[in-house]
Every structure is written in structure tokens, then in C-alpha cells.
Amino acid sequence: MAAANFRLVEDLFQCSICLDVFKDPVSTPCGHNFCKNCITEHLNIDVPLQCPICRRMFYPKPELQINTLIAEMIDAFRQNGPMEVRCAVSSKIKQLGELSCRIGTVCIFLVFSYVVYCNFLREVAGRNLEKPDKKIQEQIQEIAQKIEGLIPLVQLCGEDFQKEKQRETELQLAEELKNKKSSEVERFSNAPKLPKGMETPKSLMQDELVKVQHHTIDMTFDPDTAYPGLILSDDGKQVRCCDSRRNLPENPKRFTECAFVLGKQGFSSGRFYFEVQVKGKTKWSIGVAKESVSRKGDIKLCPQNGFWALWMRSRGEYRALAGPSVSVHLRSAFEKVGVFVDYEAGLVSFYDVNNAAHIYSFTGCHFTERLFPFFDPSRNNDGQNDAPLII
């Protein structure tokens, strides 16, 4: 009980900067108290000069005054420590009910007053021992006994105050958690779960999409990179996968095992944007790839291997292939994907064009070579995924 009350007293004289009991307490012109080192350091780095609590502006830099009263009270309480006193009148004190908080606060100051005054009495008694005066000694003893008689009440008030404060805090926290839970459930029950907490009003997203569309490029697929099982349209704007491989000339740029193809134009700076129609497809991967990616054998799509891509499989499963992949939750399947790249910013973003919605962004990328638009129409799957990717 004594230790708990000691902590309560420490809380009363806690510096709001270091959250510890004041060390060399000083007062600002606005009346707030801080550790001397804490407020000095704060004023040295904070611009403009202002109180950390009330934000009152100081000009010029204030002269900090030592608060000797608080310093002496803290030192006295530390020297004497918490008082181990018990009392059997708790039932009477509890009848104070609604006054317990006020009484508790007053009692804390009574404790300090008692400690400081006892120290004073000891000093007086010590001086008078050199010149003994029986009457003075009796008076000092009588006063000390009266103050000692207050200690059970003081101690019990402090305990009651602490319990009441803790109870009120717990009730307040419980109510706040309940309200927060209800509001969060209502907020997210029907909302799409976008990555990294990104949730933007549609009107703003439409504006953002219009801005990135200003960087649209006109491109075609590069037949020299196309997997032998891919069929490109004559205008180089459509690609789909057939059930058999064609005999094509050897080319170091060609993907030999994965149904991939790159765009013809590469970029080593600036910004670019392109759109891909995915309507009717059950599988695909779309994004950008660096020029030096492997073209042979089985390839894992991830930034570590030079690919920044979005992946879709049947039943509306979408993933950003971030290595490990990140699940992307959308309201519904979309028909056209927009891909925006800011080379210098290290950014690759994907958009649902029809709904003007952001899907996912790779950020903090470090590009050091040319980037090419990347496409994977995926296998035909016996005609179930026969629809082409269209750029």
C-alpha cells in the first residue's frame, strides 16, 4: 500500500517531457514545471520557442527559475520514503464516496507537509539540544504526536484515491475500446481492404488516374521476346496462348518455358503508363521487368528477380508479387488494368481503370537499368483462358 501511494506522489511531480520525477525542477513564465535539462534541451531545438504543455510562445528565450519548493518537497519525501502505516477505519472513509478524489488530493499534500515539517522539527530539536529547554522539547513532541495522528487518515485517503482513479481509468478505457471497435467494424464491414491502409475517395482517385494517364505510351508487343506458345496479332496489340508451341528461331531475348512477352519499348528514366484489357481471362500477370531478367527455364516473378507484377487466378484471387506475395482484396473483378511507373521515384502502381481505383503500389524500388512492360497471358487451359490480353 505504501509503495503504491509513493508511486502516486511521484506521478504528481512527473516531468511531462522525460516522464520521470522532476530533477532540478524549474518553472516557465506560463507556470508549468519541468526538469531543468529537459526544458533547456526542448527550448534549444524547438522553433518557435513555446511551452510543451500549453504551447504559449516565448520571446525572447525565457529565464528559467528554480522551483525550490517543489525541489525541497521531492527531496524530503525521497529521504523519508513511503510510510508504512495501517488503519482500521476504512469503512468510515469509504462513506466519503464522491469526495474521495478531492480528499485524496488534499491528503497527498498533507503527506508532503508532514515530511517537510518533521524535518524542520528535527533541526529545531537538534539546535535546542545544545541549549536544553524542557518546555520547548515538550511542545515539539506534542506537535509531532498530533501530526503523527494524521498519518493513518492521510495514508488511507491516498489509497482510496488511487483505487478510485484506477477504477475510473479502467471504465473509461473499456468504453473507448467498445466505441472504437463498433466504429471500426462499421467502417470496414463493406469497404475494400486495400494494401498499406490506402483508402481514397473515388473523386480523388479519378483525378489521380487522369494525371498518370497523361504519361500513356503507345507500344506493341516484342515478338522476339514472346514464348513460342504465344500468338500475337498482326498489329502487335493482342496476345494469347495456344495449346502447342511453334518452331521459332533461337533468340537470346525469348522466354523459353514461361508464357511471357515484353513490350518493345524500354525506359531508363522518367514516367510512363499503359493499360491492358483483361476481360474474359481467368489467369494473367502484368507489370514491368528489367532488361536483364532471365529468359530461360522456369521463372519466379518477384522484385528480387527483376519483376514487379500483379497476378490474377481464377475465382478472383489477386496478388501483388512482392516476394512474399501480398493478397489484394477488391470489390469485384475488373476488366482493364493500368500500370504507372515513376523511374526516379522507384514507384510501380496498378489501377482498376474502369472503377478508377488504386490496386497496389511497389514503393522504394531501386532501378538501375531499362524497364520493359511485362505481360503473361498464362496457359490456354483447354480454352478456359483463351481471351487475349489487349494493349
Protein backbone atom coordinates (compact mmCIF):
# COMPACT_ATOMS: atom_id res chain seq x y z
CA MET A 1 0.00 0.00 0.00
CA ALA A 2 2.81 2.40 0.92
CA ALA A 3 4.68 1.69 -2.29
CA ALA A 4 1.55 2.33 -4.33
CA ASN A 5 0.98 5.69 -2.64
CA PHE A 6 4.62 6.59 -3.20
CA ARG A 7 4.13 5.97 -6.93
CA LEU A 8 1.02 8.15 -6.83
CA VAL A 9 3.01 11.01 -5.33
CA GLU A 10 5.73 10.54 -7.94
CA ASP A 11 3.08 10.82 -10.67
CA LEU A 12 2.03 14.18 -9.24
CA PHE A 13 5.55 15.55 -9.71
CA GLN A 14 6.27 13.99 -13.08
CA CYS A 15 8.05 15.93 -15.83
CA SER A 16 5.88 15.88 -18.97
CA ILE A 17 8.97 15.63 -21.19
CA CYS A 18 11.01 12.76 -19.68
CA LEU A 19 8.03 11.28 -17.75
CA ASP A 20 10.19 10.91 -14.64
CA VAL A 21 10.14 12.68 -11.26
CA PHE A 22 11.48 16.23 -11.55
CA LYS A 23 15.25 16.64 -11.42
CA ASP A 24 16.26 20.23 -10.65
CA PRO A 25 12.70 21.48 -11.24
CA VAL A 26 12.31 24.87 -12.92
CA SER A 27 9.25 26.96 -13.80
CA THR A 28 8.45 28.63 -17.12
CA PRO A 29 6.76 32.08 -17.34
CA CYS A 30 3.44 30.32 -18.03
CA GLY A 31 3.67 28.49 -14.68
CA HIS A 32 4.47 24.94 -15.81
CA ASN A 33 7.28 22.92 -14.27
CA PHE A 34 9.91 20.72 -15.92
CA CYS A 35 13.32 19.19 -15.27
CA LYS A 36 15.92 21.84 -15.94
CA ASN A 37 17.80 19.73 -18.51
CA CYS A 38 14.59 18.62 -20.25
CA ILE A 39 13.12 22.08 -20.83
CA THR A 40 16.53 23.56 -21.70
CA GLU A 41 17.07 20.94 -24.40
CA HIS A 42 13.49 21.42 -25.64
CA LEU A 43 13.91 25.17 -25.98
CA ASN A 44 17.24 24.71 -27.76
CA ILE A 45 15.71 22.56 -30.53
CA ASP A 46 12.07 23.73 -30.65
CA VAL A 47 11.28 26.50 -33.12
CA PRO A 48 9.38 28.63 -32.37
CA LEU A 49 10.02 28.75 -28.63
CA GLN A 50 6.93 27.50 -26.81
CA CYS A 51 5.77 25.61 -23.71
CA PRO A 52 5.44 21.84 -24.39
CA ILE A 53 2.18 21.76 -22.38
CA CYS A 54 0.16 24.92 -23.13
CA ARG A 55 2.07 25.95 -26.31
CA ARG A 56 2.46 29.51 -25.03
CA MET A 57 5.06 31.32 -27.16
CA PHE A 58 8.21 32.71 -25.51
CA TYR A 59 10.14 35.66 -26.89
CA PRO A 60 12.87 36.17 -26.11
CA LYS A 61 14.12 32.86 -24.65
CA PRO A 62 12.84 32.82 -21.03
CA GLU A 63 14.99 32.76 -17.94
CA LEU A 64 14.08 29.59 -16.08
CA GLN A 65 13.52 29.97 -12.34
CA ILE A 66 14.42 27.17 -9.94
CA ASN A 67 11.29 25.98 -8.10
CA THR A 68 12.82 25.48 -4.67
CA LEU A 69 9.53 24.48 -3.02
CA ILE A 70 8.95 21.51 -5.31
CA ALA A 71 12.62 20.53 -5.11
CA GLU A 72 12.57 20.51 -1.29
CA MET A 73 9.31 18.57 -1.11
CA ILE A 74 10.58 15.88 -3.50
CA ASP A 75 13.90 15.59 -1.66
CA ALA A 76 12.12 15.35 1.68
CA PHE A 77 9.75 12.65 0.50
CA ARG A 78 12.60 10.64 -1.03
CA GLN A 79 14.65 10.84 2.16
CA ASN A 80 11.79 9.73 4.39
CA GLY A 81 10.27 7.24 1.91
CA PRO A 82 6.73 5.88 1.94
CA MET A 83 5.20 5.47 5.39
CA GLU A 84 4.13 2.01 6.39
CA VAL A 85 1.01 2.90 8.40
CA ARG A 86 -2.24 0.96 8.52
CA CYS A 87 -5.65 1.94 9.88
CA ALA A 88 -8.89 0.09 10.69
CA VAL A 89 -11.29 2.90 9.88
CA SER A 90 -11.62 2.20 6.16
CA SER A 91 -15.37 1.74 6.42
CA LYS A 92 -15.78 5.31 7.64
CA ILE A 93 -13.53 6.73 4.96
CA LYS A 94 -15.35 4.86 2.22
CA GLN A 95 -18.51 6.68 3.24
CA LEU A 96 -16.98 9.82 1.81
CA GLY A 97 -17.80 8.38 -1.64
CA GLU A 98 -17.88 11.14 -4.17
CA LEU A 99 -15.46 13.28 -2.12
CA SER A 100 -12.70 10.67 -2.20
CA CYS A 101 -10.89 12.23 -5.16
CA ARG A 102 -10.77 15.68 -3.55
CA ILE A 103 -9.76 14.24 -0.19
CA GLY A 104 -7.08 12.10 -1.82
CA THR A 105 -5.53 15.11 -3.49
CA VAL A 106 -5.52 17.09 -0.24
CA CYS A 107 -4.04 14.12 1.63
CA ILE A 108 -1.13 13.90 -0.75
CA PHE A 109 -0.17 17.45 0.14
CA LEU A 110 -0.66 16.65 3.83
CA VAL A 111 1.94 13.93 3.43
CA PHE A 112 4.40 16.41 1.97
CA SER A 113 3.60 18.99 4.64
CA TYR A 114 4.16 16.39 7.32
CA VAL A 115 7.51 15.31 5.95
CA VAL A 116 8.83 18.83 5.49
CA TYR A 117 7.61 19.89 8.92
CA CYS A 118 9.11 16.84 10.62
CA ASN A 119 12.47 17.69 9.09
CA PHE A 120 12.09 21.20 10.43
CA LEU A 121 11.27 19.86 13.91
CA ARG A 122 14.32 17.63 13.86
CA GLU A 123 16.54 20.58 13.01
CA VAL A 124 14.97 22.70 15.76
CA ALA A 125 15.26 19.85 18.23
CA GLY A 126 18.91 19.39 17.32
CA ARG A 127 19.69 23.03 17.93
CA ASN A 128 17.84 23.07 21.25
CA LEU A 129 19.71 20.00 22.48
CA GLU A 130 22.73 22.27 22.70
CA LYS A 131 20.67 24.54 24.96
CA PRO A 132 18.23 22.23 26.70
CA ASP A 133 14.78 23.68 27.35
CA LYS A 134 12.34 21.12 28.71
CA LYS A 135 9.25 23.17 27.82
CA ILE A 136 10.30 23.61 24.19
CA GLN A 137 11.09 19.93 23.91
CA GLU A 138 7.63 19.04 25.24
CA GLN A 139 5.95 21.38 22.76
CA ILE A 140 7.87 19.90 19.86
CA GLN A 141 6.98 16.41 20.99
CA GLU A 142 3.29 17.30 21.32
CA ILE A 143 3.15 18.80 17.82
CA ALA A 144 4.93 15.81 16.37
CA GLN A 145 2.46 13.42 18.02
CA LYS A 146 -0.51 15.35 16.62
CA ILE A 147 0.92 15.21 13.13
CA GLU A 148 1.66 11.50 13.55
CA GLY A 149 -2.01 11.03 14.42
CA LEU A 150 -2.99 12.33 10.98
CA ILE A 151 -0.93 9.74 9.14
CA PRO A 152 -3.48 6.87 9.20
CA LEU A 153 -6.11 9.15 7.68
CA VAL A 154 -3.68 10.53 5.13
CA GLN A 155 -2.46 7.09 4.14
CA LEU A 156 -5.96 5.67 3.81
CA CYS A 157 -7.18 8.65 1.79
CA GLY A 158 -4.31 8.21 -0.61
CA GLU A 159 -5.12 4.52 -1.01
CA ASP A 160 -8.80 5.23 -1.59
CA PHE A 161 -7.98 7.95 -4.09
CA GLN A 162 -5.67 5.65 -6.02
CA LYS A 163 -8.26 2.87 -6.23
CA GLU A 164 -10.96 5.27 -7.39
CA LYS A 165 -8.67 6.76 -10.01
CA GLN A 166 -7.69 3.32 -11.30
CA ARG A 167 -11.34 2.23 -11.45
CA GLU A 168 -12.35 5.33 -13.41
CA THR A 169 -9.44 4.85 -15.81
CA GLU A 170 -10.38 1.22 -16.45
CA LEU A 171 -14.02 2.12 -17.10
CA GLN A 172 -13.02 4.92 -19.45
CA LEU A 173 -10.65 2.66 -21.40
CA ALA A 174 -13.29 -0.06 -21.66
CA GLU A 175 -15.82 2.43 -23.03
CA GLU A 176 -13.31 3.85 -25.51
CA LEU A 177 -12.38 0.37 -26.76
CA LYS A 178 -16.05 -0.55 -27.12
CA ASN A 179 -16.83 2.59 -29.12
CA LYS A 180 -13.72 2.21 -31.25
CA LYS A 181 -14.50 -1.42 -32.03
CA SER A 182 -18.04 -0.57 -33.09
CA SER A 183 -16.91 2.29 -35.33
CA GLU A 184 -14.14 0.23 -36.91
CA VAL A 185 -16.44 -2.70 -37.63
CA GLU A 186 -18.97 -0.37 -39.23
CA ARG A 187 -16.28 1.37 -41.23
CA PHE A 188 -14.66 -1.72 -42.69
CA SER A 189 -17.56 -4.16 -42.99
CA ASN A 190 -18.34 -3.17 -46.57
CA ALA A 191 -15.09 -1.49 -47.58
CA PRO A 192 -12.37 -2.98 -49.80
CA LYS A 193 -9.19 -3.89 -47.93
CA LEU A 194 -6.55 -2.05 -49.90
CA PRO A 195 -2.84 -2.64 -49.19
CA LYS A 196 -0.93 -0.50 -46.72
CA GLY A 197 -4.14 1.12 -45.44
CA MET A 198 -4.67 3.09 -48.65
CA GLU A 199 -8.28 4.21 -48.95
CA THR A 200 -9.07 7.24 -51.11
CA PRO A 201 -12.38 8.86 -52.14
CA LYS A 202 -13.33 7.93 -55.70
CA SER A 203 -13.32 11.54 -56.90
CA LEU A 204 -9.70 11.93 -55.78
CA MET A 205 -8.74 8.61 -57.34
CA GLN A 206 -10.28 9.71 -60.63
CA ASP A 207 -8.15 12.85 -60.54
CA GLU A 208 -5.06 10.77 -59.76
CA LEU A 209 -5.80 8.35 -62.60
CA VAL A 210 -6.25 11.22 -65.06
CA LYS A 211 -2.85 12.59 -64.03
CA VAL A 212 -0.99 9.32 -64.58
CA GLN A 213 -2.82 8.74 -67.87
CA HIS A 214 -1.05 11.84 -69.20
CA HIS A 215 2.06 9.64 -69.34
CA THR A 216 0.42 6.99 -71.58
CA ILE A 217 2.76 5.38 -74.11
CA ASP A 218 1.90 3.83 -77.47
CA MET A 219 3.52 0.41 -77.60
CA THR A 220 3.36 -3.06 -79.12
CA PHE A 221 4.48 -6.49 -78.00
CA ASP A 222 8.04 -7.52 -78.88
CA PRO A 223 7.79 -10.79 -80.89
CA ASP A 224 11.49 -11.54 -80.29
CA THR A 225 10.75 -12.00 -76.56
CA ALA A 226 7.48 -13.97 -76.93
CA TYR A 227 7.25 -17.53 -75.62
CA PRO A 228 6.83 -19.98 -78.59
CA GLY A 229 3.31 -20.85 -77.48
CA LEU A 230 2.08 -17.22 -77.68
CA ILE A 231 0.19 -15.85 -80.66
CA LEU A 232 0.49 -12.12 -81.39
CA SER A 233 -1.96 -10.16 -83.53
CA ASP A 234 -0.73 -8.55 -86.74
CA ASP A 235 -0.80 -5.09 -85.17
CA GLY A 236 1.14 -6.31 -82.12
CA LYS A 237 -1.62 -5.20 -79.75
CA GLN A 238 -3.09 -8.57 -78.68
CA VAL A 239 -1.57 -11.75 -77.27
CA ARG A 240 -2.97 -15.10 -76.22
CA CYS A 241 -1.57 -18.55 -75.51
CA CYS A 242 -2.30 -21.56 -77.74
CA ASP A 243 -2.16 -25.23 -76.79
CA SER A 244 1.00 -26.02 -78.76
CA ARG A 245 4.46 -24.49 -79.21
CA ARG A 246 5.59 -23.13 -82.55
CA ASN A 247 9.03 -23.69 -84.05
CA LEU A 248 10.67 -20.29 -83.86
CA PRO A 249 14.26 -19.23 -84.46
CA GLU A 250 16.62 -19.20 -81.47
CA ASN A 251 16.77 -15.80 -79.84
CA PRO A 252 18.53 -14.90 -76.54
CA LYS A 253 15.71 -12.46 -75.79
CA ARG A 254 12.97 -15.13 -75.99
CA PHE A 255 11.29 -16.71 -72.94
CA THR A 256 11.62 -20.46 -73.47
CA GLU A 257 9.43 -22.03 -70.77
CA CYS A 258 7.13 -19.35 -69.35
CA ALA A 259 4.29 -17.78 -71.37
CA PHE A 260 5.80 -14.28 -71.13
CA VAL A 261 6.29 -11.42 -73.58
CA LEU A 262 7.72 -7.91 -73.16
CA GLY A 263 6.81 -4.60 -74.73
CA LYS A 264 9.10 -3.32 -77.48
CA GLN A 265 9.97 -0.01 -75.85
CA GLY A 266 12.19 0.18 -72.75
CA PHE A 267 12.64 3.07 -70.31
CA SER A 268 15.62 4.10 -68.19
CA SER A 269 14.19 7.38 -66.83
CA GLY A 270 11.02 9.42 -66.48
CA ARG A 271 7.44 8.24 -66.15
CA PHE A 272 5.27 6.02 -68.33
CA TYR A 273 1.80 4.48 -68.19
CA PHE A 274 -0.02 1.77 -70.14
CA GLU A 275 -3.35 -0.06 -69.93
CA VAL A 276 -4.16 -3.73 -70.53
CA GLN A 277 -7.61 -5.20 -71.15
CA VAL A 278 -8.03 -8.45 -69.19
CA LYS A 279 -11.76 -9.02 -69.75
CA GLY A 280 -12.73 -12.69 -70.06
CA LYS A 281 -9.44 -14.06 -68.73
CA THR A 282 -9.10 -16.38 -65.74
CA LYS A 283 -5.32 -16.09 -65.33
CA TRP A 284 -2.75 -13.41 -66.08
CA SER A 285 0.25 -11.49 -64.76
CA ILE A 286 1.04 -7.89 -65.72
CA GLY A 287 3.71 -5.39 -64.70
CA VAL A 288 7.24 -4.34 -65.64
CA ALA A 289 10.54 -6.21 -65.88
CA LYS A 290 14.15 -5.11 -66.03
CA GLU A 291 16.10 -5.82 -69.21
CA SER A 292 18.45 -8.39 -67.67
CA VAL A 293 15.79 -10.81 -66.38
CA SER A 294 16.32 -14.50 -67.04
CA ARG A 295 14.61 -15.76 -70.20
CA LYS A 296 15.34 -19.47 -69.81
CA GLY A 297 13.67 -22.15 -67.70
CA ASP A 298 11.07 -21.70 -65.00
CA ILE A 299 10.99 -18.16 -63.59
CA LYS A 300 9.63 -16.86 -60.29
CA LEU A 301 8.02 -13.44 -60.56
CA CYS A 302 9.30 -11.17 -57.77
CA PRO A 303 11.31 -7.93 -57.42
CA GLN A 304 14.42 -9.91 -56.46
CA ASN A 305 14.33 -11.48 -59.94
CA GLY A 306 13.62 -8.18 -61.69
CA PHE A 307 9.81 -8.36 -61.98
CA TRP A 308 7.23 -6.01 -60.41
CA ALA A 309 3.89 -7.59 -61.25
CA LEU A 310 0.24 -8.08 -60.34
CA TRP A 311 -1.12 -11.64 -60.61
CA MET A 312 -4.67 -12.99 -61.03
CA ARG A 313 -6.00 -16.52 -60.87
CA SER A 314 -9.50 -17.99 -61.14
CA ARG A 315 -12.16 -17.14 -58.54
CA GLY A 316 -10.93 -13.57 -58.32
CA GLU A 317 -7.71 -14.22 -56.43
CA TYR A 318 -5.37 -11.25 -56.85
CA ARG A 319 -1.82 -10.92 -55.53
CA ALA A 320 0.96 -8.39 -55.77
CA LEU A 321 4.07 -10.50 -56.37
CA ALA A 322 6.21 -8.67 -53.84
CA GLY A 323 8.22 -11.72 -52.64
CA PRO A 324 6.49 -12.84 -50.48
CA SER A 325 3.30 -12.07 -52.36
CA VAL A 326 0.63 -9.78 -50.91
CA SER A 327 -3.07 -10.63 -51.18
CA VAL A 328 -5.11 -7.82 -52.76
CA HIS A 329 -8.84 -7.58 -51.94
CA LEU A 330 -11.17 -5.91 -54.45
CA ARG A 331 -14.91 -5.27 -54.58
CA SER A 332 -15.27 -7.09 -57.90
CA ALA A 333 -13.31 -8.38 -60.86
CA PHE A 334 -12.09 -5.65 -63.20
CA GLU A 335 -11.71 -5.50 -66.98
CA LYS A 336 -8.77 -3.18 -67.54
CA VAL A 337 -5.51 -2.74 -65.60
CA GLY A 338 -3.48 0.47 -65.63
CA VAL A 339 0.25 0.36 -64.85
CA PHE A 340 2.18 3.53 -63.94
CA VAL A 341 5.95 3.75 -63.42
CA ASP A 342 7.97 6.65 -62.00
CA TYR A 343 11.56 5.55 -62.63
CA GLU A 344 13.33 8.12 -60.45
CA ALA A 345 10.83 7.76 -57.58
CA GLY A 346 11.13 3.95 -57.59
CA LEU A 347 7.36 3.57 -57.95
CA VAL A 348 5.21 0.99 -59.77
CA SER A 349 1.44 1.42 -59.29
CA PHE A 350 -1.54 -0.60 -60.52
CA TYR A 351 -5.06 0.75 -61.12
CA ASP A 352 -8.53 -0.62 -61.83
CA VAL A 353 -9.22 1.67 -64.78
CA ASN A 354 -12.99 1.15 -65.09
CA ASN A 355 -13.64 1.87 -61.40
CA ALA A 356 -10.88 4.50 -61.05
CA ALA A 357 -9.48 2.60 -58.06
CA HIS A 358 -5.93 2.11 -56.84
CA ILE A 359 -4.97 -1.56 -56.52
CA TYR A 360 -1.40 -1.73 -55.25
CA SER A 361 1.94 0.11 -55.34
CA PHE A 362 5.51 -1.10 -55.16
CA THR A 363 7.44 1.72 -53.47
CA GLY A 364 11.10 2.33 -52.69
CA CYS A 365 12.25 0.38 -55.77
CA HIS A 366 15.84 0.89 -56.93
CA PHE A 367 16.00 0.82 -60.72
CA THR A 368 19.43 0.72 -62.39
CA GLU A 369 18.65 -0.47 -65.92
CA ARG A 370 15.98 -0.27 -68.58
CA LEU A 371 12.45 -1.37 -67.68
CA PHE A 372 10.04 -3.00 -70.14
CA PRO A 373 6.27 -3.55 -69.90
CA PHE A 374 5.73 -7.21 -68.97
CA PHE A 375 2.81 -9.50 -69.89
CA ASP A 376 1.84 -13.07 -69.03
CA PRO A 377 -1.47 -14.17 -70.63
CA SER A 378 -0.91 -17.61 -69.00
CA ARG A 379 -1.74 -21.01 -70.46
CA ASN A 380 -4.88 -21.59 -72.52
CA ASN A 381 -6.24 -24.14 -70.02
CA ASP A 382 -8.32 -26.00 -72.64
CA GLY A 383 -9.95 -22.82 -73.85
CA GLN A 384 -10.99 -21.51 -70.43
CA ASN A 385 -8.33 -18.79 -70.61
CA ASP A 386 -8.43 -18.21 -74.36
CA ALA A 387 -9.27 -14.48 -74.21
CA PRO A 388 -6.34 -12.26 -75.26
CA LEU A 389 -4.53 -9.53 -73.38
CA ILE A 390 -5.10 -6.31 -75.31
CA ILE A 391 -2.96 -3.15 -75.06
